[in-house]
C-alpha atoms as a PDB file:
ATOM      1  CA  MET A   1     111.272  83.640 111.970  1.00  0.00           C
ATOM      2  CA  SER A   2     114.286  81.822 113.336  1.00  0.00           C
ATOM      3  CA  GLU A   3     114.339  80.031 116.632  1.00  0.00           C
ATOM      4  CA  THR A   4     116.986  80.655 119.239  1.00  0.00           C
ATOM      5  CA  ASN A   5     118.624  78.002 121.376  1.00  0.00           C
ATOM      6  CA  LYS A   6     116.565  79.259 124.330  1.00  0.00           C
ATOM      7  CA  ASP A   7     113.457  77.853 122.619  1.00  0.00           C
ATOM      8  CA  HIS A   8     114.933  74.353 122.482  1.00  0.00           C
ATOM      9  CA  TRP A   9     114.477  71.881 125.309  1.00  0.00           C
ATOM     10  CA  PHE A  10     116.580  69.156 123.668  1.00  0.00           C
ATOM     11  CA  PRO A  11     119.785  69.764 121.664  1.00  0.00           C
ATOM     12  CA  ALA A  12     120.580  67.787 118.540  1.00  0.00           C
ATOM     13  CA  LYS A  13     123.107  65.008 119.115  1.00  0.00           C
ATOM     14  CA  LYS A  14     126.704  65.804 118.235  1.00  0.00           C
ATOM     15  CA  LEU A  15     127.088  62.496 116.374  1.00  0.00           C
ATOM     16  CA  GLY A  16     124.261  60.529 114.817  1.00  0.00           C
ATOM     17  CA  TRP A  17     120.595  61.394 114.476  1.00  0.00           C
ATOM     18  CA  GLY A  18     118.224  62.475 117.244  1.00  0.00           C
ATOM     19  CA  TRP A  19     118.363  64.472 120.444  1.00  0.00           C
ATOM     20  CA  GLY A  20     120.634  64.544 123.461  1.00  0.00           C
ATOM     21  CA  PHE A  21     119.844  65.065 127.127  1.00  0.00           C
ATOM     22  CA  PRO A  22     117.579  68.006 128.010  1.00  0.00           C
ATOM     23  CA  ILE A  23     119.099  71.466 128.474  1.00  0.00           C
ATOM     24  CA  THR A  24     116.158  73.184 130.201  1.00  0.00           C
ATOM     25  CA  TRP A  25     114.046  72.391 133.217  1.00  0.00           C
ATOM     26  CA  GLN A  26     111.054  71.845 130.913  1.00  0.00           C
ATOM     27  CA  GLY A  27     112.969  69.147 129.051  1.00  0.00           C
ATOM     28  CA  TRP A  28     113.993  67.455 132.295  1.00  0.00           C
ATOM     29  CA  PHE A  29     110.360  67.619 133.450  1.00  0.00           C
ATOM     30  CA  ALA A  30     109.181  65.992 130.201  1.00  0.00           C
ATOM     31  CA  LEU A  31     111.799  63.229 130.536  1.00  0.00           C
ATOM     32  CA  ALA A  32     110.943  62.619 134.211  1.00  0.00           C
ATOM     33  CA  THR A  33     107.233  62.507 133.371  1.00  0.00           C
ATOM     34  CA  TYR A  34     107.912  59.910 130.693  1.00  0.00           C
ATOM     35  CA  PHE A  35     109.836  57.722 133.157  1.00  0.00           C
ATOM     36  CA  VAL A  36     107.243  58.117 135.931  1.00  0.00           C
ATOM     37  CA  LEU A  37     104.424  57.175 133.561  1.00  0.00           C
ATOM     38  CA  SER A  38     106.410  54.142 132.338  1.00  0.00           C
ATOM     39  CA  ILE A  39     106.966  52.889 135.879  1.00  0.00           C
ATOM     40  CA  ALA A  40     103.389  53.649 136.908  1.00  0.00           C
ATOM     41  CA  GLY A  41     102.131  51.715 133.898  1.00  0.00           C
ATOM     42  CA  ALA A  42     104.180  48.695 134.964  1.00  0.00           C
ATOM     43  CA  PHE A  43     102.470  48.681 138.353  1.00  0.00           C
ATOM     44  CA  LEU A  44      98.958  49.652 137.229  1.00  0.00           C
ATOM     45  CA  LEU A  45      98.785  47.373 134.184  1.00  0.00           C
ATOM     46  CA  PRO A  46     100.680  44.237 135.290  1.00  0.00           C
ATOM     47  CA  HIS A  47      98.265  41.626 133.943  1.00  0.00           C
ATOM     48  CA  GLY A  48      97.448  43.038 130.528  1.00  0.00           C
ATOM     49  CA  ILE A  49     100.582  42.859 128.387  1.00  0.00           C
ATOM     50  CA  ILE A  50      98.781  44.138 125.291  1.00  0.00           C
ATOM     51  CA  LEU A  51      97.301  47.026 127.254  1.00  0.00           C
ATOM     52  CA  PHE A  52     100.689  47.762 128.807  1.00  0.00           C
ATOM     53  CA  LEU A  53     102.475  47.740 125.443  1.00  0.00           C
ATOM     54  CA  GLY A  54      99.787  49.986 123.979  1.00  0.00           C
ATOM     55  CA  PHE A  55     100.193  52.400 126.894  1.00  0.00           C
ATOM     56  CA  GLN A  56     103.977  52.412 126.412  1.00  0.00           C
ATOM     57  CA  ALA A  57     103.550  53.099 122.689  1.00  0.00           C
ATOM     58  CA  VAL A  58     101.268  56.063 123.410  1.00  0.00           C
ATOM     59  CA  ILE A  59     103.552  57.696 125.974  1.00  0.00           C
ATOM     60  CA  ALA A  60     106.631  57.051 123.804  1.00  0.00           C
ATOM     61  CA  ALA A  61     104.890  58.692 120.829  1.00  0.00           C
ATOM     62  CA  ALA A  62     103.911  61.642 123.033  1.00  0.00           C
ATOM     63  CA  PHE A  63     107.492  62.059 124.278  1.00  0.00           C
ATOM     64  CA  LEU A  64     108.824  61.787 120.730  1.00  0.00           C
ATOM     65  CA  ALA A  65     106.380  64.528 119.666  1.00  0.00           C
ATOM     66  CA  VAL A  66     107.650  66.760 122.494  1.00  0.00           C
ATOM     67  CA  CYS A  67     111.239  66.147 121.360  1.00  0.00           C
ATOM     68  CA  TRP A  68     110.319  66.846 117.745  1.00  0.00           C
ATOM     69  CA  PHE A  69     108.533  70.136 118.443  1.00  0.00           C
ATOM     70  CA  LYS A  70     110.711  71.431 121.287  1.00  0.00           C
ATOM     71  CA  GLY A  71     114.118  70.127 120.213  1.00  0.00           C
ATOM     72  CA  GLU A  72     116.636  71.285 117.665  1.00  0.00           C
ATOM     73  CA  LYS A  73     116.155  69.984 114.163  1.00  0.00           C
ATOM     74  CA  PRO A  74     117.661  66.477 114.131  1.00  0.00           C
ATOM     75  CA  GLY A  75     119.990  65.576 111.350  1.00  0.00           C
ATOM     76  CA  ARG A  76     122.782  63.210 110.478  1.00  0.00           C
ATOM     77  CA  ARG A  77     126.105  64.498 111.771  1.00  0.00           C
END
């Protein structure tokens, strides 16, 4: 079963490896959520650098998983 471009939230980059900017509202929502959580973490966890870095690692991994599952297959171009 092949996927269509309508199923992708993030296109593959034209040059290099990875994903470009979102092409659907769901992708923009995921990106905005990532940024909001990053900023909120800076204000809510200001005194615990280890806790803050752990929080950033978790939300970055979650956003990367969204890109992996909802983006085009990344590849070297």
